[in-house]
N, C-alpha and C. Protein backbone atom coordinates (compact mmCIF):
# COMPACT_ATOMS: atom_id res chain seq x y z
N UNK A 1 0.80 -1.10 0.04
CA UNK A 1 0.03 0.14 -0.15
C UNK A 1 1.03 1.20 -0.07
N UNK A 2 0.36 2.45 -0.43
CA UNK A 2 1.29 3.68 -0.70
C UNK A 2 1.06 3.93 0.50
N UNK A 3 2.01 5.04 1.13
CA UNK A 3 2.16 5.53 2.41
C UNK A 3 1.19 6.70 2.19
N UNK A 4 0.78 7.48 3.47
CA UNK A 4 -0.10 8.22 3.19
C UNK A 4 0.14 9.44 2.80
N UNK A 5 -0.78 10.40 2.31
CA UNK A 5 0.08 11.82 2.04
C UNK A 5 0.47 12.62 3.23
N UNK A 6 0.93 13.47 3.32
CA UNK A 6 1.60 14.11 4.43
C UNK A 6 1.54 15.43 4.32
N UNK A 7 0.23 16.29 3.98
CA UNK A 7 0.51 17.85 3.83
C UNK A 7 1.22 18.76 4.62
N UNK A 8 1.65 18.37 5.75
CA UNK A 8 2.61 19.04 6.43
C UNK A 8 3.97 18.71 6.67
N UNK A 9 4.34 17.86 5.60
CA UNK A 9 5.97 17.16 5.76
C UNK A 9 6.61 17.82 5.04
N UNK A 10 8.15 17.72 4.68
CA UNK A 10 9.02 18.54 3.96
C UNK A 10 8.46 19.00 2.71
N UNK A 11 9.03 20.16 2.45
CA UNK A 11 8.77 20.51 0.91
C UNK A 11 9.72 20.55 0.29
N UNK A 12 9.73 21.07 -1.26
CA UNK A 12 10.66 20.93 -2.14
C UNK A 12 11.49 22.08 -2.11
N UNK A 13 13.09 21.31 -2.09
CA UNK A 13 13.91 23.01 -2.19
C UNK A 13 14.36 23.18 -3.27
N UNK A 14 13.56 22.33 -4.51
CA UNK A 14 14.11 22.68 -5.69
C UNK A 14 13.10 23.59 -6.42
N UNK A 15 13.55 24.63 -7.11
CA UNK A 15 12.96 25.82 -8.05
C UNK A 15 12.07 25.02 -9.01
N UNK A 16 11.02 25.34 -9.28
CA UNK A 16 10.83 24.98 -10.57
C UNK A 16 10.93 25.38 -11.63
N UNK A 17 11.54 24.60 -12.68
CA UNK A 17 11.80 25.04 -13.96
C UNK A 17 11.49 26.29 -14.65
N UNK A 18 12.24 27.04 -15.50
CA UNK A 18 11.54 28.34 -15.90
C UNK A 18 10.28 27.90 -17.15
N UNK A 19 9.51 28.63 -17.35
CA UNK A 19 8.46 28.43 -18.55
C UNK A 19 8.75 29.20 -19.55
N UNK A 20 9.93 29.88 -19.71
CA UNK A 20 10.01 30.63 -21.21
C UNK A 20 11.51 31.20 -20.96
N UNK A 21 11.61 31.75 -22.09
CA UNK A 21 13.01 32.70 -21.94
C UNK A 21 13.00 33.93 -20.91
N UNK A 22 14.14 34.18 -20.38
CA UNK A 22 14.07 35.12 -19.24
C UNK A 22 13.53 36.66 -20.19
N UNK A 23 13.21 37.26 -19.14
CA UNK A 23 12.72 38.78 -19.20
C UNK A 23 13.58 39.45 -19.41
N UNK A 24 13.99 40.05 -20.40
CA UNK A 24 15.46 40.98 -20.52
C UNK A 24 14.96 42.20 -19.56
N UNK A 25 16.05 42.54 -19.04
CA UNK A 25 15.70 43.96 -17.81
C UNK A 25 16.87 44.79 -18.55
N UNK A 26 16.11 46.08 -18.84
CA UNK A 26 16.67 47.14 -19.50
C UNK A 26 17.72 47.78 -18.24
N UNK A 27 19.01 48.03 -18.75
CA UNK A 27 19.86 48.66 -17.82
C UNK A 27 19.23 50.36 -17.38
N UNK A 28 19.77 50.30 -15.99
CA UNK A 28 19.13 51.95 -15.51
C UNK A 28 19.84 52.81 -16.22
N UNK A 29 19.33 53.86 -16.70
CA UNK A 29 20.02 54.97 -17.55
C UNK A 29 20.93 55.65 -16.45
N UNK A 30 22.09 55.80 -17.00
CA UNK A 30 23.37 56.84 -16.35
C UNK A 30 22.88 58.03 -16.23
N UNK A 31 22.68 58.62 -15.33
CA UNK A 31 21.76 60.03 -14.76
C UNK A 31 23.05 60.80 -15.34
N UNK A 32 22.94 61.98 -15.91
CA UNK A 32 23.76 63.03 -16.41
C UNK A 32 23.58 64.29 -15.69
N UNK A 33 24.44 64.96 -15.72
CA UNK A 33 24.56 66.36 -15.42
C UNK A 33 23.98 67.57 -16.78
N UNK A 34 23.21 68.29 -16.07
CA UNK A 34 23.13 69.48 -17.28
C UNK A 34 24.31 70.56 -17.43
N UNK A 35 24.32 70.99 -18.21
CA UNK A 35 25.58 71.96 -18.59
C UNK A 35 25.73 73.09 -17.43
N UNK A 36 24.63 73.71 -17.04
CA UNK A 36 24.53 74.57 -16.20
C UNK A 36 25.18 74.11 -14.56
N UNK A 37 24.69 72.73 -14.43
CA UNK A 37 25.13 72.00 -13.09
C UNK A 37 26.54 71.81 -13.06
N UNK A 38 26.90 71.02 -14.29
CA UNK A 38 28.33 70.52 -14.46
C UNK A 38 29.19 71.86 -14.26
N UNK A 39 28.86 73.17 -14.77
CA UNK A 39 29.68 74.51 -14.94
C UNK A 39 29.98 74.79 -13.49
N UNK A 40 28.89 75.02 -12.68
CA UNK A 40 29.00 74.92 -11.26
C UNK A 40 29.67 74.37 -10.54
N UNK A 41 30.04 73.13 -10.64
CA UNK A 41 30.67 72.29 -9.81
C UNK A 41 32.24 72.18 -10.40
N UNK A 42 32.52 72.28 -11.50
CA UNK A 42 34.00 72.43 -12.19
C UNK A 42 34.30 73.95 -11.75
N UNK A 43 33.84 74.97 -12.33
CA UNK A 43 33.83 76.29 -11.86
C UNK A 43 34.66 76.36 -9.89
N UNK A 44 33.75 75.77 -9.17
CA UNK A 44 34.14 75.72 -7.88
C UNK A 44 35.62 74.87 -7.91
N UNK A 45 35.57 73.58 -8.17
CA UNK A 45 36.85 72.74 -8.09
C UNK A 45 37.89 73.61 -8.50
N UNK A 46 37.65 73.88 -9.50
CA UNK A 46 38.71 74.62 -10.43
C UNK A 46 39.39 75.80 -9.56
N UNK A 47 38.60 76.47 -9.01
CA UNK A 47 38.57 77.74 -8.45
C UNK A 47 39.49 77.52 -6.95
N UNK A 48 38.63 76.45 -6.46
CA UNK A 48 39.35 76.47 -4.72
C UNK A 48 40.37 75.43 -4.47
N UNK A 49 40.88 75.03 -5.64
CA UNK A 49 42.39 74.46 -5.90
C UNK A 49 43.36 74.60 -6.71
N UNK A 50 43.10 75.71 -7.57
CA UNK A 50 44.21 76.80 -8.01
C UNK A 50 44.99 77.81 -7.18
N UNK A 51 46.12 77.68 -7.18
CA UNK A 51 46.93 78.59 -5.95
C UNK A 51 48.31 78.90 -6.92
N UNK A 52 48.64 80.55 -6.20
CA UNK A 52 49.66 80.93 -6.44
C UNK A 52 50.54 81.63 -5.70
N UNK A 53 51.88 80.57 -5.21
CA UNK A 53 52.44 80.97 -3.85
C UNK A 53 53.76 81.92 -4.15
N UNK A 54 53.63 82.39 -5.29
CA UNK A 54 54.68 83.66 -5.92
C UNK A 54 54.66 85.06 -5.48
N UNK A 55 55.63 85.35 -4.77
CA UNK A 55 55.86 86.71 -4.17
C UNK A 55 54.47 87.64 -4.87
N UNK A 56 53.90 88.45 -4.11
CA UNK A 56 52.78 89.36 -4.29
C UNK A 56 51.32 88.55 -4.87
N UNK A 57 51.37 87.39 -4.82
CA UNK A 57 50.22 86.56 -5.48
C UNK A 57 49.33 86.44 -4.06
N UNK A 58 49.12 85.20 -4.13
CA UNK A 58 48.18 84.70 -2.92
C UNK A 58 49.17 84.49 -1.77
N UNK A 59 47.93 85.54 -0.74
CA UNK A 59 48.87 85.30 0.37
C UNK A 59 48.91 84.19 1.63
N UNK A 60 48.01 83.56 1.01
CA UNK A 60 47.58 82.01 1.78
C UNK A 60 46.96 81.14 1.18
N UNK A 61 46.87 80.12 1.57
CA UNK A 61 46.18 78.55 1.30
C UNK A 61 44.54 79.23 1.13
N UNK A 62 44.05 79.82 1.94
CA UNK A 62 42.62 80.03 1.84
C UNK A 62 41.92 81.15 0.93
N UNK A 63 42.94 81.76 0.19
CA UNK A 63 42.73 82.61 -0.86
C UNK A 63 42.26 82.27 -2.02
N UNK A 64 42.66 81.11 -2.30
CA UNK A 64 41.89 80.26 -3.49
C UNK A 64 40.06 80.33 -3.16
N UNK A 65 40.01 79.90 -1.53
CA UNK A 65 38.22 79.37 -1.20
C UNK A 65 37.88 80.59 -1.42
N UNK A 66 38.60 82.09 -0.97
CA UNK A 66 37.53 83.56 -1.17
C UNK A 66 37.42 83.70 -2.67
N UNK A 67 38.27 83.37 -3.24
CA UNK A 67 37.47 83.55 -4.89
C UNK A 67 36.32 82.59 -5.15
N UNK A 68 35.73 81.56 -4.38
CA UNK A 68 34.79 80.71 -4.73
C UNK A 68 33.44 81.54 -4.47
N UNK A 69 33.56 82.86 -4.02
CA UNK A 69 32.17 83.09 -3.76
C UNK A 69 31.17 83.01 -4.82
N UNK A 70 31.81 83.47 -6.03
CA UNK A 70 30.67 83.51 -6.97
C UNK A 70 29.81 81.94 -7.34
N UNK A 71 30.74 81.20 -6.82
CA UNK A 71 30.18 79.62 -7.13
C UNK A 71 29.62 78.85 -5.78
N UNK A 72 29.30 79.54 -4.97
CA UNK A 72 28.93 78.92 -3.79
C UNK A 72 27.70 79.82 -3.29
N UNK A 73 27.05 79.03 -2.47
CA UNK A 73 26.10 79.67 -1.79
C UNK A 73 26.62 80.31 -0.30
N UNK A 74 25.94 81.42 0.08
CA UNK A 74 26.52 82.44 1.57
C UNK A 74 27.03 81.57 2.51
N UNK A 75 25.97 80.56 2.78
CA UNK A 75 26.42 79.80 3.94
C UNK A 75 27.75 78.93 3.41
N UNK A 76 27.86 78.31 2.65
CA UNK A 76 29.04 77.32 2.39
C UNK A 76 30.28 78.35 2.49
N UNK A 77 30.17 79.39 1.72
CA UNK A 77 31.25 80.44 1.66
C UNK A 77 31.67 80.59 2.88
N UNK A 78 30.80 81.27 3.72
CA UNK A 78 30.98 81.29 5.29
C UNK A 78 32.09 80.14 5.85
N UNK A 79 31.58 78.78 5.53
CA UNK A 79 32.55 77.51 5.98
C UNK A 79 33.77 77.54 5.37
N UNK A 80 34.09 77.72 4.12
CA UNK A 80 34.99 77.31 3.65
C UNK A 80 36.09 78.48 3.71
N UNK A 81 35.71 79.86 4.10
CA UNK A 81 36.50 81.09 4.28
C UNK A 81 36.93 81.21 5.81
N UNK A 82 35.97 80.37 6.54
CA UNK A 82 36.53 80.32 8.35
C UNK A 82 37.99 80.33 8.23
N UNK A 83 38.56 81.15 9.12
CA UNK A 83 39.80 80.48 9.66
C UNK A 83 40.23 79.22 10.10
N UNK A 84 41.30 78.85 9.83
CA UNK A 84 41.66 77.17 10.15
C UNK A 84 43.04 77.35 9.82
N UNK A 85 43.80 76.23 9.87
CA UNK A 85 44.84 76.27 9.53
C UNK A 85 45.33 74.84 8.25
N UNK A 86 44.20 74.20 7.61
CA UNK A 86 44.38 73.61 6.67
C UNK A 86 44.97 74.18 5.75
N UNK A 87 45.86 73.31 5.05
CA UNK A 87 47.08 73.62 3.75
C UNK A 87 48.16 74.21 4.49
N UNK A 88 48.76 74.36 5.79
CA UNK A 88 49.66 75.38 6.11
C UNK A 88 50.69 74.44 5.85
N UNK A 89 50.84 73.20 5.96
CA UNK A 89 52.02 72.30 5.45
C UNK A 89 52.27 72.46 3.83
N UNK A 90 51.11 72.24 2.84
CA UNK A 90 51.29 72.10 1.60
C UNK A 90 51.62 73.89 1.34
N UNK A 91 51.23 74.68 2.07
CA UNK A 91 51.40 76.39 1.61
C UNK A 91 53.43 76.65 1.98
N UNK A 92 53.65 76.22 2.95
CA UNK A 92 54.80 76.40 3.28
C UNK A 92 55.78 75.80 2.23
N UNK A 93 55.43 74.48 1.76
CA UNK A 93 56.13 74.10 0.71
C UNK A 93 55.99 74.81 -0.90
N UNK A 94 55.04 75.25 -1.06
CA UNK A 94 55.02 76.41 -2.01
C UNK A 94 55.10 77.40 -1.92
N UNK A 95 55.34 78.29 -0.96
CA UNK A 95 55.83 79.62 -0.94
C UNK A 95 57.32 79.14 -0.89
N UNK A 96 58.08 78.17 -0.39
CA UNK A 96 59.19 77.85 -0.75
C UNK A 96 59.98 77.87 -1.92
N UNK A 97 59.18 77.14 -3.00
CA UNK A 97 59.06 77.03 -4.00
C UNK A 97 58.68 77.79 -4.94
N UNK A 98 57.58 78.92 -4.56
CA UNK A 98 57.38 80.06 -5.14
C UNK A 98 56.32 79.21 -6.43
N UNK A 99 55.58 78.24 -5.88
CA UNK A 99 55.01 77.42 -6.91
C UNK A 99 53.80 78.10 -7.28
N UNK A 100 53.42 77.74 -8.50
CA UNK A 100 51.71 77.76 -9.21
C UNK A 100 51.25 76.43 -8.77
N UNK A 101 49.79 76.33 -8.63
CA UNK A 101 49.28 75.37 -9.00
C UNK A 101 48.01 75.16 -9.72
N UNK A 102 47.86 74.57 -10.95
CA UNK A 102 46.94 74.48 -12.02
C UNK A 102 45.91 73.21 -11.42
N UNK A 103 44.95 73.41 -11.89
CA UNK A 103 43.65 72.20 -12.15
C UNK A 103 43.66 71.91 -13.43
N UNK A 104 43.27 70.35 -13.62
CA UNK A 104 42.88 69.67 -14.83
C UNK A 104 41.75 68.87 -14.47
N UNK A 105 40.59 69.43 -15.07
CA UNK A 105 39.66 68.40 -14.28
C UNK A 105 39.41 67.11 -15.72
N UNK A 106 39.47 66.04 -14.91
CA UNK A 106 39.50 64.71 -15.85
C UNK A 106 38.40 64.07 -16.11
N UNK A 107 37.48 64.36 -14.93
CA UNK A 107 35.77 63.68 -15.14
C UNK A 107 34.78 64.39 -14.26
N UNK A 108 33.71 64.42 -14.78
CA UNK A 108 32.28 65.12 -13.93
C UNK A 108 31.14 64.32 -14.25
N UNK A 109 30.79 63.92 -13.18
CA UNK A 109 29.23 63.07 -13.54
C UNK A 109 28.85 63.01 -11.83
N UNK A 110 27.52 62.40 -12.11
CA UNK A 110 26.78 62.02 -10.89
C UNK A 110 27.60 60.80 -10.09
N UNK A 111 27.76 61.02 -8.79
CA UNK A 111 28.50 59.89 -8.11
C UNK A 111 27.84 58.56 -8.11
N UNK A 112 28.35 57.36 -8.09
CA UNK A 112 27.55 56.23 -8.04
C UNK A 112 26.55 56.23 -6.63
N UNK A 113 25.62 55.81 -6.91
CA UNK A 113 24.63 55.46 -5.84
C UNK A 113 23.68 56.88 -5.86
N UNK A 114 24.08 57.98 -6.13
CA UNK A 114 23.70 59.42 -5.96
C UNK A 114 22.02 59.40 -6.72
N UNK A 115 21.42 60.10 -6.23
CA UNK A 115 19.90 60.19 -6.93
C UNK A 115 19.93 60.93 -8.28
N UNK A 116 19.15 60.67 -9.48
CA UNK A 116 19.41 61.53 -10.49
C UNK A 116 19.21 63.16 -10.12
N UNK A 117 19.79 63.68 -11.17
CA UNK A 117 19.64 65.48 -11.15
C UNK A 117 18.10 65.92 -11.22
N UNK A 118 18.10 66.90 -10.37
CA UNK A 118 16.29 67.28 -10.38
C UNK A 118 16.65 69.10 -10.94
N UNK A 119 15.47 69.30 -11.25
CA UNK A 119 15.32 70.80 -11.73
C UNK A 119 16.12 71.97 -10.39
N UNK A 120 16.17 71.38 -9.40
CA UNK A 120 16.43 72.25 -8.16
C UNK A 120 17.80 71.61 -7.36
N UNK A 121 18.16 70.51 -7.72
CA UNK A 121 19.46 70.14 -7.02
C UNK A 121 20.08 69.10 -7.73
N UNK A 122 21.42 68.84 -7.62
CA UNK A 122 22.24 67.41 -8.39
C UNK A 122 23.39 67.19 -7.48
N UNK A 123 23.80 66.03 -7.28
CA UNK A 123 24.93 65.85 -7.13
C UNK A 123 26.09 65.54 -8.03
N UNK A 124 26.94 66.11 -7.69
CA UNK A 124 27.99 65.96 -8.90
C UNK A 124 29.58 65.36 -7.92
N UNK A 125 30.27 64.59 -8.72
CA UNK A 125 31.80 64.36 -8.52
C UNK A 125 32.66 64.84 -9.36
N UNK A 126 33.64 65.61 -9.13
CA UNK A 126 34.56 66.25 -10.18
C UNK A 126 36.12 65.67 -10.07
N UNK A 127 36.35 64.84 -10.67
CA UNK A 127 37.83 64.46 -10.79
C UNK A 127 39.04 65.25 -11.04
N UNK A 128 39.91 65.32 -10.85
CA UNK A 128 41.08 66.34 -11.27
C UNK A 128 42.17 66.16 -10.94
N UNK A 129 43.10 66.72 -11.64
CA UNK A 129 45.01 66.60 -11.13
C UNK A 129 44.84 68.20 -10.92
N UNK A 130 45.61 67.95 -9.70
CA UNK A 130 46.48 68.89 -9.49
C UNK A 130 47.91 69.11 -9.58
N UNK A 131 48.52 70.41 -10.45
CA UNK A 131 49.82 70.37 -10.96
C UNK A 131 50.33 71.17 -10.22
N UNK A 132 51.48 71.19 -9.53
CA UNK A 132 52.31 71.86 -8.90
C UNK A 132 53.78 72.52 -9.64
N UNK A 133 53.84 73.69 -9.93
CA UNK A 133 55.05 73.71 -10.98
C UNK A 133 55.64 75.00 -9.91
N UNK A 134 56.96 74.45 -9.21
CA UNK A 134 57.84 75.32 -8.91
C UNK A 134 58.68 76.50 -9.57
N UNK A 135 58.69 77.53 -9.23
CA UNK A 135 59.21 78.54 -10.30
C UNK A 135 60.74 78.50 -9.72
N UNK A 136 61.15 78.11 -8.31
CA UNK A 136 62.52 78.54 -7.71
C UNK A 136 63.26 76.91 -7.48
N UNK A 137 64.06 76.72 -7.16
CA UNK A 137 64.77 75.48 -7.22
C UNK A 137 64.91 74.52 -8.02
N UNK A 138 65.56 73.42 -7.19
CA UNK A 138 65.49 72.17 -8.39
C UNK A 138 64.81 71.48 -8.64
N UNK A 139 63.26 71.88 -7.59
CA UNK A 139 61.92 70.76 -7.35
C UNK A 139 61.23 70.68 -8.92
N UNK A 140 61.05 69.59 -9.16
CA UNK A 140 60.38 69.02 -10.53
C UNK A 140 59.14 69.16 -10.34
N UNK A 141 58.16 69.56 -11.33
CA UNK A 141 56.77 69.49 -11.21
C UNK A 141 55.87 68.41 -10.62
N UNK A 142 55.32 68.71 -9.57
CA UNK A 142 54.31 67.47 -9.09
C UNK A 142 52.95 67.21 -9.55
N UNK A 143 52.40 66.43 -9.74
CA UNK A 143 50.88 66.11 -10.18
C UNK A 143 50.15 65.25 -8.93
N UNK A 144 49.12 65.79 -8.33
CA UNK A 144 48.33 64.94 -7.92
C UNK A 144 46.91 64.72 -8.00
N UNK A 145 46.74 63.49 -7.84
CA UNK A 145 45.09 63.24 -8.58
C UNK A 145 44.04 63.27 -7.12
N UNK A 146 43.05 64.27 -7.69
CA UNK A 146 42.14 64.32 -6.85
C UNK A 146 40.45 64.18 -6.90
N UNK A 147 39.68 64.09 -5.96
CA UNK A 147 38.33 64.24 -6.46
C UNK A 147 37.39 64.65 -5.13
N UNK A 148 36.50 65.69 -5.70
CA UNK A 148 35.52 66.09 -5.16
C UNK A 148 34.03 65.71 -4.94
N UNK A 149 33.26 65.25 -4.42
CA UNK A 149 31.62 65.20 -4.43
C UNK A 149 31.04 66.26 -3.80
N UNK A 150 30.12 66.82 -4.51
CA UNK A 150 29.35 67.96 -3.92
C UNK A 150 27.85 68.05 -4.41
N UNK A 151 27.23 69.15 -3.82
CA UNK A 151 25.94 69.12 -3.98
C UNK A 151 25.84 70.69 -4.75
N UNK A 152 24.98 70.73 -5.93
CA UNK A 152 24.71 71.98 -6.65
C UNK A 152 23.40 72.17 -6.51
N UNK A 153 23.09 73.05 -6.38
CA UNK A 153 21.50 73.59 -6.25
C UNK A 153 21.16 75.12 -6.50
N UNK A 154 20.04 75.11 -7.50
CA UNK A 154 19.54 76.38 -8.23
C UNK A 154 19.32 76.89 -7.11
N UNK A 155 19.27 78.61 -7.16
CA UNK A 155 18.99 79.46 -6.43
C UNK A 155 18.75 80.48 -7.81
N UNK A 156 17.55 80.57 -7.70
CA UNK A 156 16.97 81.93 -8.88
C UNK A 156 17.56 80.95 -10.34
N UNK A 157 18.24 81.62 -10.58
CA UNK A 157 18.55 81.23 -12.24
C UNK A 157 19.81 80.96 -12.43
N UNK A 158 20.57 80.72 -11.05
CA UNK A 158 21.90 80.27 -10.83
C UNK A 158 22.24 79.01 -10.49
N UNK A 159 23.29 78.10 -10.64
CA UNK A 159 23.44 76.92 -10.06
C UNK A 159 24.66 77.27 -9.12
N UNK A 160 24.59 76.89 -7.82
CA UNK A 160 25.91 77.21 -6.80
C UNK A 160 26.15 76.02 -6.14
N UNK A 161 27.16 75.52 -5.89
CA UNK A 161 27.85 74.40 -4.81
C UNK A 161 26.98 75.03 -3.39
N UNK A 162 26.10 74.03 -2.63
CA UNK A 162 25.49 74.19 -1.34
C UNK A 162 26.41 73.26 -0.15
N UNK A 163 26.75 72.24 -1.00
CA UNK A 163 27.40 71.24 0.02
C UNK A 163 28.90 70.63 -0.55
N UNK A 164 29.73 70.38 0.59
CA UNK A 164 30.76 69.84 -0.07
C UNK A 164 30.53 68.08 0.85
N UNK A 165 30.72 67.21 0.09
CA UNK A 165 30.56 65.74 0.66
C UNK A 165 31.83 64.89 0.83
N UNK A 166 31.76 64.37 1.96
CA UNK A 166 32.81 63.30 2.37
C UNK A 166 32.95 62.19 1.17
N UNK A 167 34.14 62.33 0.58
CA UNK A 167 34.56 61.19 -0.09
C UNK A 167 35.10 60.18 0.43
N UNK A 168 34.64 59.00 -0.22
CA UNK A 168 35.37 57.78 0.54
C UNK A 168 36.34 56.78 -0.43
């Protein structure tokens, strides 16, 4: 005789076979920045990271941040120009070499995992090279890679950087 049916017994752990070909899943479109959003991010990063340590030019590391006023919100401007000792070591090296520091933007886009840009906000990541060129001594040109993630916000008809985000 056949064993009795046991509706409460163990269940199969085998998945049933497919009933047809797999349904294609379209890749998520890569979000892109509008030209004005991109320009706001690039203008800020370029200005904040360009320095001139030759005599009679920048007086200190923070001078470049003071030049960013046109690209940032008033709240962010107050933060980035607040007195601090950031950059003191680099600045002393640059002044000793009377160096100029220029920025070459490598890539600009929406950071991985960030929401797509909207009509009022956009997250941006700017990758760049900072090129330090000494004008005195025997030091060679130095190139350093950098990246900054930030939030740009539309204020009226302009896009301004409103937040600097931690990079990981």
